[in-house]
Protein backbone atom coordinates (compact mmCIF):
# COMPACT_ATOMS: atom_id res chain seq x y z
CA MET A 1 -14.91 110.50 22.14
CA LYS A 2 -15.55 107.96 24.93
CA LEU A 3 -17.24 110.70 27.08
CA HIS A 4 -19.43 111.61 24.07
CA THR A 5 -20.42 108.17 23.57
CA ASN A 6 -21.30 107.69 27.40
CA VAL A 7 -23.51 110.91 27.21
CA ILE A 8 -25.38 109.55 24.23
CA HIS A 9 -25.85 106.25 26.00
CA ILE A 10 -27.13 107.89 29.27
CA PHE A 11 -29.51 110.21 27.33
CA SER A 12 -30.75 107.21 25.33
CA GLN A 13 -31.54 105.38 28.55
CA LEU A 14 -33.51 108.35 29.96
CA LEU A 15 -35.54 108.45 26.80
CA LEU A 16 -36.26 104.75 26.96
CA LYS A 17 -37.85 104.92 30.43
CA GLY A 18 -41.38 103.74 30.69
CA ASP A 19 -43.56 100.80 29.76
CA LYS A 20 -42.39 98.68 26.79
CA TYR A 21 -44.57 98.05 23.87
CA ILE A 22 -44.39 96.49 20.52
CA VAL A 23 -47.07 97.75 17.92
CA VAL A 24 -47.59 95.21 15.12
CA GLU A 25 -49.25 96.56 12.03
CA ILE A 26 -50.66 94.14 9.43
CA LEU A 27 -52.12 95.93 6.56
CA GLY A 28 -52.48 93.79 3.65
CA ARG A 29 -49.04 92.30 2.83
CA ASP A 30 -47.35 95.25 4.44
CA ILE A 31 -46.03 94.47 7.79
CA ARG A 32 -44.49 97.03 10.23
CA VAL A 33 -43.25 96.25 13.92
CA THR A 34 -42.25 99.11 16.11
CA VAL A 35 -40.77 99.01 19.50
CA LEU A 36 -41.88 102.00 21.68
CA ARG A 37 -41.59 103.21 25.31
CA THR A 38 -44.43 105.10 26.84
CA ASP A 39 -45.11 107.20 29.90
CA PHE A 40 -48.73 107.98 29.65
CA SER A 41 -48.95 109.79 32.74
CA HIS A 42 -46.61 112.50 31.27
CA LYS A 43 -47.82 111.94 27.85
CA GLN A 44 -44.50 110.94 26.35
CA ILE A 45 -43.86 108.29 23.62
CA THR A 46 -40.39 107.27 22.42
CA VAL A 47 -40.21 105.31 19.25
CA ALA A 48 -36.96 103.17 19.60
CA ARG A 49 -36.88 101.01 16.58
CA THR A 50 -38.96 100.02 13.55
CA TRP A 51 -38.95 97.01 10.98
CA GLN A 52 -40.75 96.80 7.89
CA ALA A 53 -41.46 93.70 5.76
CA THR A 54 -43.64 92.27 2.91
CA ALA A 55 -45.53 89.01 3.41
CA ALA A 56 -44.90 86.22 0.83
CA ASP A 57 -48.63 86.21 -0.13
CA ASP A 58 -51.84 87.70 0.77
CA THR A 59 -52.65 85.08 3.55
CA PRO A 60 -52.88 86.02 7.24
CA LEU A 61 -50.50 83.12 7.95
CA ALA A 62 -47.73 84.61 5.65
CA ALA A 63 -48.15 87.91 7.52
CA LEU A 64 -47.76 86.25 10.94
CA LYS A 65 -44.70 84.40 9.84
CA GLU A 66 -43.06 87.68 8.95
CA VAL A 67 -44.14 89.25 12.29
CA LYS A 68 -42.61 86.24 14.03
CA LYS A 69 -39.25 86.58 12.30
CA ILE A 70 -39.11 90.28 13.33
CA LEU A 71 -40.03 89.54 16.94
CA ARG A 72 -37.02 87.14 17.07
CA ARG A 73 -34.76 90.16 16.33
CA ILE A 74 -36.11 92.18 19.25
CA PRO A 75 -34.08 91.97 22.46
CA ASN A 76 -36.18 90.73 25.37
CA ALA A 77 -39.32 90.80 23.16
CA LYS A 78 -41.20 88.65 25.84
CA THR A 79 -40.94 91.59 28.37
CA HIS A 80 -43.05 93.80 26.01
CA LYS A 81 -46.77 94.22 25.74
CA ILE A 82 -47.99 93.87 22.16
CA VAL A 83 -50.60 95.75 20.33
CA LEU A 84 -52.10 94.39 17.16
CA ALA A 85 -53.28 96.97 14.52
CA LEU A 86 -54.96 94.99 11.92
CA ASP A 87 -56.49 95.63 8.50
CA SER A 88 -60.19 95.20 7.95
CA ARG A 89 -60.06 91.68 6.64
CA LEU A 90 -58.53 90.48 9.72
CA ALA A 91 -60.34 92.41 12.42
CA THR A 92 -63.62 94.20 12.91
CA THR A 93 -63.76 96.63 15.85
CA MET A 94 -67.12 98.09 16.84
CA TYR A 95 -68.20 100.70 19.35
CA ALA A 96 -71.77 100.69 20.57
CA SER A 97 -73.90 100.35 23.78
CA VAL A 98 -76.32 97.82 25.05
CA SER A 99 -79.15 98.69 27.33
CA LEU A 100 -80.44 96.38 29.84
CA VAL A 101 -83.47 96.55 32.17
CA ARG A 102 -83.10 94.91 35.62
CA GLN A 103 -86.05 93.01 37.00
CA ASN A 104 -84.84 93.47 40.61
CA ALA A 105 -84.70 97.35 40.26
CA LYS A 106 -85.10 97.93 44.07
CA GLU A 107 -82.06 95.81 44.92
CA VAL A 108 -78.50 97.08 44.99
CA ILE A 109 -76.16 95.81 42.24
CA ASP A 110 -73.62 93.33 43.61
CA GLU A 111 -70.69 91.63 41.87
CA ALA A 112 -72.63 88.74 40.84
CA ASP A 113 -75.33 90.90 39.26
CA LEU A 114 -72.89 92.97 37.52
CA ASP A 115 -71.16 89.85 36.18
CA ASN A 116 -74.51 88.64 34.98
CA LEU A 117 -75.24 92.03 33.33
CA ILE A 118 -72.04 92.14 31.43
CA SER A 119 -72.45 88.50 30.21
CA GLN A 120 -75.82 89.38 28.78
CA ALA A 121 -74.64 92.61 27.25
CA ILE A 122 -71.72 90.73 25.61
CA TRP A 123 -73.86 88.00 24.16
CA ARG A 124 -76.51 90.41 22.96
CA PHE A 125 -73.87 92.49 21.27
CA PHE A 126 -72.18 89.46 19.58
CA ASP A 127 -75.52 87.84 18.48
CA LYS A 128 -76.68 91.14 17.04
CA HIS A 129 -73.61 91.91 14.98
CA ARG A 130 -71.82 88.53 14.05
CA PHE A 131 -73.83 88.22 10.80
CA LYS A 132 -72.83 91.68 9.63
CA VAL A 133 -69.28 91.08 10.65
CA SER A 134 -69.22 87.65 8.82
CA GLN A 135 -70.22 89.48 5.63
CA LYS A 136 -67.73 92.21 5.98
CA MET A 137 -64.71 89.76 6.48
CA ASN A 138 -66.23 87.20 4.09
CA ILE A 139 -66.36 84.24 6.50
CA ASP A 140 -69.08 82.06 7.85
CA GLU A 141 -70.93 83.18 11.07
CA VAL A 142 -69.58 80.22 13.11
CA ASP A 143 -66.05 81.47 12.19
CA VAL A 144 -66.49 85.02 13.83
CA LEU A 145 -64.73 85.18 17.14
CA LEU A 146 -64.97 87.90 19.85
CA THR A 147 -61.51 88.50 21.09
CA ASP A 148 -61.06 91.79 22.68
CA VAL A 149 -63.88 93.59 24.79
CA ARG A 150 -63.39 96.90 26.50
CA ILE A 151 -65.89 98.66 28.69
CA ARG A 152 -65.56 102.35 27.87
CA ASP A 153 -68.39 103.64 29.94
CA ILE A 154 -71.29 102.50 32.05
CA ARG A 155 -74.48 104.38 32.95
CA ILE A 156 -77.24 103.54 35.44
CA ASP A 157 -80.67 105.16 34.81
CA GLY A 158 -78.92 107.51 32.48
CA HIS A 159 -76.09 108.63 34.98
CA ARG A 160 -72.44 107.80 34.32
CA VAL A 161 -70.73 105.85 37.15
CA VAL A 162 -67.20 104.51 37.50
CA ASN A 163 -68.47 101.30 39.03
CA PRO A 164 -72.17 100.29 39.46
CA ILE A 165 -71.71 98.03 42.40
CA GLY A 166 -73.73 99.34 45.47
CA PHE A 167 -76.12 101.35 43.42
CA LYS A 168 -79.95 100.65 42.63
CA ALA A 169 -80.93 100.88 39.19
CA LYS A 170 -83.93 100.27 36.67
CA SER A 171 -81.68 100.15 33.66
CA VAL A 172 -77.97 99.70 32.91
CA GLU A 173 -76.37 100.89 29.73
CA ILE A 174 -72.86 99.53 28.97
CA PHE A 175 -70.78 101.16 26.35
CA PHE A 176 -68.53 98.63 24.59
CA SER A 177 -65.70 98.50 22.03
CA GLN A 178 -65.48 94.88 20.77
CA THR A 179 -63.16 93.25 18.18
CA PHE A 180 -64.07 90.32 16.12
CA VAL A 181 -61.43 88.28 14.14
CA PRO A 182 -61.78 85.10 11.94
CA ARG A 183 -61.37 81.89 13.72
CA GLU A 184 -58.53 80.70 11.47
CA PHE A 185 -56.57 83.88 12.12
CA MET A 186 -56.80 83.48 15.82
CA ARG A 187 -55.50 79.97 15.64
CA ASP A 188 -52.57 81.28 13.64
CA ILE A 189 -51.78 83.92 16.44
CA ARG A 190 -51.96 81.31 19.10
CA GLU A 191 -49.39 79.24 17.18
CA LEU A 192 -47.09 81.90 16.04
CA LEU A 193 -47.14 84.84 18.51
CA PRO A 194 -46.81 85.14 22.34
CA LYS A 195 -50.64 85.59 22.95
CA GLU A 196 -50.11 86.22 26.65
CA ASN A 197 -48.35 89.47 25.67
CA ILE A 198 -51.07 90.94 23.54
CA VAL A 199 -52.76 93.62 25.48
CA LEU A 200 -54.94 95.10 22.63
CA MET A 201 -56.11 93.75 19.31
CA MET A 202 -57.84 96.46 17.06
CA GLU A 203 -58.99 97.28 13.55
CA ALA A 204 -56.53 99.88 12.60
CA GLY A 205 -58.81 102.24 10.75
CA THR A 206 -61.49 102.23 13.39
CA ALA A 207 -58.87 102.88 16.15
CA LEU A 208 -57.69 105.83 14.17
CA ALA A 209 -61.37 107.20 13.70
CA HIS A 210 -61.99 106.75 17.51
CA ILE A 211 -58.81 108.64 18.40
CA LEU A 212 -59.65 111.45 15.94
CA SER A 213 -62.98 111.90 17.52
CA HIS A 214 -61.22 112.67 20.91
CA VAL A 215 -59.29 115.43 18.84
CA ARG A 216 -62.28 116.85 17.05
CA GLY A 217 -64.92 116.58 19.73
CA ASP A 218 -68.44 116.33 18.47
CA GLY A 219 -69.59 116.00 14.97
CA ASP A 220 -69.68 113.34 12.18
CA PHE A 221 -66.61 112.79 9.92
CA TYR A 222 -64.95 110.09 7.64
CA VAL A 223 -61.32 108.81 7.61
CA ALA A 224 -59.90 107.52 4.34
CA ASN A 225 -56.93 105.40 4.59
CA LEU A 226 -55.29 105.84 1.07
CA PHE A 227 -53.15 102.64 0.57
CA PRO A 228 -51.15 101.89 -2.67
CA LYS A 229 -53.79 99.53 -4.15
CA HIS A 230 -57.00 100.66 -2.53
CA THR A 231 -58.67 103.12 -0.13
CA ALA A 232 -60.47 102.04 3.04
CA VAL A 233 -63.03 104.31 4.52
CA PHE A 234 -64.09 104.51 8.10
CA ALA A 235 -66.97 106.64 9.55
CA SER A 236 -67.67 108.28 12.81
CA LEU A 237 -71.40 108.78 12.67
CA ARG A 238 -73.32 109.76 15.92
CA GLN A 239 -70.29 108.64 17.89
CA ARG A 240 -70.34 105.15 16.41
CA PHE A 241 -67.10 104.13 14.78
CA GLY A 242 -66.43 101.53 12.21
CA HIS A 243 -65.41 100.36 8.73
CA GLN A 244 -67.69 101.91 6.04
CA ASP A 245 -66.26 100.20 2.82
CA TRP A 246 -63.45 100.34 0.47
CA PHE A 247 -62.98 101.14 -3.19
CA ASP A 248 -60.46 100.05 -5.88
CA TRP A 249 -58.23 103.22 -6.25
CA GLY A 250 -54.96 103.72 -4.28
CA GLY A 251 -51.79 105.58 -4.44
CA ASP A 252 -50.16 103.50 -7.07
CA HIS A 253 -52.78 104.43 -9.48
CA LEU A 254 -51.34 108.08 -9.84
CA PRO A 255 -47.75 107.22 -10.95
CA SER A 256 -49.19 104.40 -13.22
CA SER A 257 -51.42 107.12 -14.84
CA VAL A 258 -48.28 109.25 -15.27
CA SER A 259 -46.33 106.37 -16.64
CA ARG A 260 -48.93 105.63 -19.34
CA TYR A 261 -49.21 109.37 -20.23
CA PHE A 262 -45.63 110.07 -20.59
CA HIS A 263 -44.29 106.58 -21.43
CA LEU A 264 -42.11 106.70 -18.39
CA ASP A 265 -41.05 103.84 -15.95
CA PRO A 266 -42.74 103.89 -12.48
CA ASP A 267 -39.68 105.40 -10.56
CA THR A 268 -39.44 108.34 -12.93
CA SER A 269 -43.05 108.90 -12.82
CA ARG A 270 -42.92 109.09 -8.93
CA ALA A 271 -40.04 111.40 -9.12
CA LEU A 272 -42.09 113.73 -11.41
CA ILE A 273 -44.97 113.75 -8.85
CA ARG A 274 -42.57 114.53 -6.05
CA LEU A 275 -41.07 117.44 -8.02
CA TYR A 276 -44.63 118.76 -8.45
CA ALA A 277 -45.60 118.13 -5.01
CA THR A 278 -42.50 120.10 -3.76
CA GLU A 279 -42.97 122.85 -6.19
CA ASN A 280 -39.67 122.11 -7.84
CA MET A 281 -41.03 121.82 -11.24
CA SER A 282 -40.99 124.54 -13.87
CA GLY A 283 -44.07 126.66 -14.08
CA GLY A 284 -44.82 125.71 -17.70
CA PHE A 285 -44.53 122.05 -17.38
CA SER A 286 -46.45 122.18 -13.98
CA ARG A 287 -49.43 123.84 -15.76
CA LYS A 288 -49.53 120.93 -18.18
CA PHE A 289 -48.82 118.35 -15.69
CA GLU A 290 -51.54 119.22 -13.07
CA PRO A 291 -54.55 118.67 -15.21
CA MET A 292 -53.42 115.09 -15.91
CA LEU A 293 -52.92 114.52 -12.24
CA VAL A 294 -56.44 116.00 -11.46
CA THR A 295 -58.07 113.84 -13.98
CA GLU A 296 -56.66 110.67 -12.36
CA LEU A 297 -57.48 112.04 -8.95
CA THR A 298 -61.18 112.37 -9.95
CA SER A 299 -61.40 108.53 -9.70
CA PHE A 300 -60.41 108.97 -6.09
CA ALA A 301 -63.07 111.77 -5.70
CA ASN A 302 -65.65 109.43 -7.21
CA GLY A 303 -64.71 106.65 -4.67
CA ILE A 304 -65.07 109.12 -1.72
CA GLU A 305 -68.61 110.21 -3.08
CA SER A 306 -69.87 106.65 -3.13
CA MET A 307 -68.91 106.29 0.61
CA VAL A 308 -70.56 109.48 2.14
CA GLY A 309 -74.11 110.65 2.27
CA ASP A 310 -75.72 113.78 0.76
CA ASP A 311 -75.05 116.02 3.80
CA PRO A 312 -71.95 118.08 4.22
CA SER A 313 -68.96 115.61 4.93
CA GLU A 314 -65.57 116.18 6.31
CA VAL A 315 -63.09 113.46 5.09
CA TYR A 316 -59.78 113.24 6.69
CA VAL A 317 -57.34 111.59 4.25
CA ASN A 318 -54.45 109.51 5.67
CA THR A 319 -52.03 109.47 2.76
CA ILE A 320 -50.20 106.04 3.60
CA ALA A 321 -49.22 106.35 -0.18
CA GLU A 322 -47.61 109.54 -1.32
CA MET A 323 -49.97 112.10 -2.80
CA PRO A 324 -49.63 115.51 -4.18
CA PRO A 325 -51.08 118.45 -2.10
CA VAL A 326 -53.36 119.42 -4.97
CA LEU A 327 -55.65 116.82 -3.55
CA PHE A 328 -56.56 119.34 -0.79
CA SER A 329 -56.80 122.43 -2.79
CA SER A 330 -59.97 124.27 -3.43
CA ARG A 331 -59.61 123.75 -7.09
CA PHE A 332 -59.67 119.99 -6.51
CA GLN A 333 -62.73 120.16 -4.15
CA ASN A 334 -64.69 121.57 -7.09
CA ARG A 335 -64.44 118.09 -8.53
CA PHE A 336 -66.86 116.75 -6.00
CA ARG A 337 -70.72 116.73 -6.88
CA LYS A 338 -71.51 116.25 -3.30
CA PRO A 339 -70.48 118.86 -0.44
CA VAL A 340 -67.35 116.88 0.48
CA LYS A 341 -64.32 118.62 2.08
CA LEU A 342 -61.06 116.71 2.10
CA LEU A 343 -58.73 117.34 5.02
CA SER A 344 -54.94 116.28 5.31
CA LEU A 345 -54.30 114.19 8.32
CA SER A 346 -51.02 113.85 10.35
CA THR A 347 -49.59 112.35 13.36
CA GLN A 348 -48.68 115.88 14.64
CA PHE A 349 -52.22 117.01 14.49
CA ILE A 350 -53.43 114.23 16.69
CA THR A 351 -50.52 114.34 19.21
CA GLU A 352 -50.47 118.21 19.59
CA LYS A 353 -54.18 118.16 20.21
CA LEU A 354 -54.02 115.42 22.87
CA GLY A 355 -50.88 116.99 24.47
CA TYR A 356 -48.58 114.11 23.54
CA GLY A 357 -44.88 114.33 22.87
CA ILE A 358 -43.15 111.93 20.64
CA HIS A 359 -39.45 111.38 20.30
CA TYR A 360 -37.86 109.25 17.42
CA MET A 361 -34.57 107.41 18.00
CA LYS A 362 -32.61 107.13 14.83
CA ALA A 363 -33.61 103.47 14.39
CA GLY A 364 -37.19 104.44 15.10
CA GLU A 365 -37.69 106.90 12.08
CA MET A 366 -40.60 106.08 9.97
CA ASP A 367 -42.89 107.42 7.22
CA ASN A 368 -46.37 108.10 8.49
CA PRO A 369 -46.48 106.55 12.07
CA LEU A 370 -50.19 107.75 12.38
CA ILE A 371 -51.69 104.19 12.62
CA CYS A 372 -48.97 102.89 14.97
CA VAL A 373 -49.43 105.90 17.30
CA SER A 374 -53.20 106.01 17.19
CA SER A 375 -53.26 102.16 18.05
CA LEU A 376 -51.06 102.80 21.10
CA LEU A 377 -53.12 105.92 22.26
CA GLU A 378 -56.26 103.67 22.32
CA LEU A 379 -54.53 102.15 25.46
CA ALA A 380 -54.20 105.46 26.96
CA LEU A 381 -57.77 106.23 26.49
CA LEU A 382 -59.13 103.17 28.27
CA PRO A 383 -60.30 103.91 31.96
CA GLN A 384 -57.48 103.82 34.40
CA GLU A 385 -59.38 101.35 36.61
CA ASP A 386 -60.06 98.63 33.97
CA THR A 387 -61.45 95.95 36.34
CA LEU A 388 -64.80 95.93 34.39
CA SER A 389 -63.01 95.28 30.96
CA HIS A 390 -61.01 92.42 32.69
CA LEU A 391 -64.34 90.96 33.91
CA ALA A 392 -65.88 91.31 30.33
CA ASN A 393 -62.89 89.60 28.67
CA ARG A 394 -63.26 86.69 31.24
CA ARG A 395 -66.82 86.37 30.06
CA VAL A 396 -65.53 86.38 26.46
CA ARG A 397 -63.48 83.09 26.72
CA TRP A 398 -66.38 80.87 25.94
CA LEU A 399 -66.89 82.80 22.71
CA VAL A 400 -63.44 82.22 21.39
CA THR A 401 -63.18 78.44 21.74
């Protein structure tokens, strides 16, 4: 028995090699904190442990207090890097580019010139988008803070370069991802979390759409995060990623409808849906049960149609709330008036396409790790030499005071 225990301990230590991360998901009142080890060079992720909690109320402060409680339970939490995956009321992440024309085109770009170009680009991006961001997060413009800037790509006169220093150029185009948060939320983060450990702060749905674009390649698509109370839709249109909108229909609406129809309590209704989804329901009852489900799911279809254009649209559905497979059937697709195709989305679909292996320790097993994993993979997609992003974030400091 002792030998067996030692073998398990040694095996666990081998699995837990690599950089230490904590991914914090704040999605409404739902909180999840996950400890992971990563070896990005060998594309291996180990999920060591996860905790879930529900905030006392809908305020960001209540959510952060729950996160702080959980962080206290993690041994040596201060040695971990922290990734924040946030819902769309707490963060707005945008991917876009800014083009600048150099007046001194015949001179080579030096460090001071590059610093100035990055500063101009950041300010232009911030000034252009902060009104739209303030409306989306329902805050005043003065309360919009730019907190996380990453330079994803840079091109001089249309040619991609790793670092433009030493080149001559008439124009410089800088491709950014930038994350905006409310001022009050940032103040709460500074008070409650070890801010120096935070290496990435992202809008969770936009991060998922960006990762999915690397899996798919070219082509526009949408991602629908189906939460218990609502559905949030994100778009990847012409390689621009961001929050589209949300509509008031979520996974809880389905069992509620079953409860009303059959006069059942919510737990029994969920059990019936599970029996139907796993094909453990009698054929006769199933044929009567499905039309009622499809009628309720039509509200979801109507919400999706309100988010997409008239062109053929592929919509990947992240079923954070449990949903029956009929949602992706051809007979349900016929409920759409627009050319919409719903596609099921899973963590395995993304990790296999990107060549990543994921191992779950017993304490790390979780339902639907898609947002957690995609937020972590955002780090893996950053340029290995991230000097330009460090320079950009230094320039951002005067926008977050």
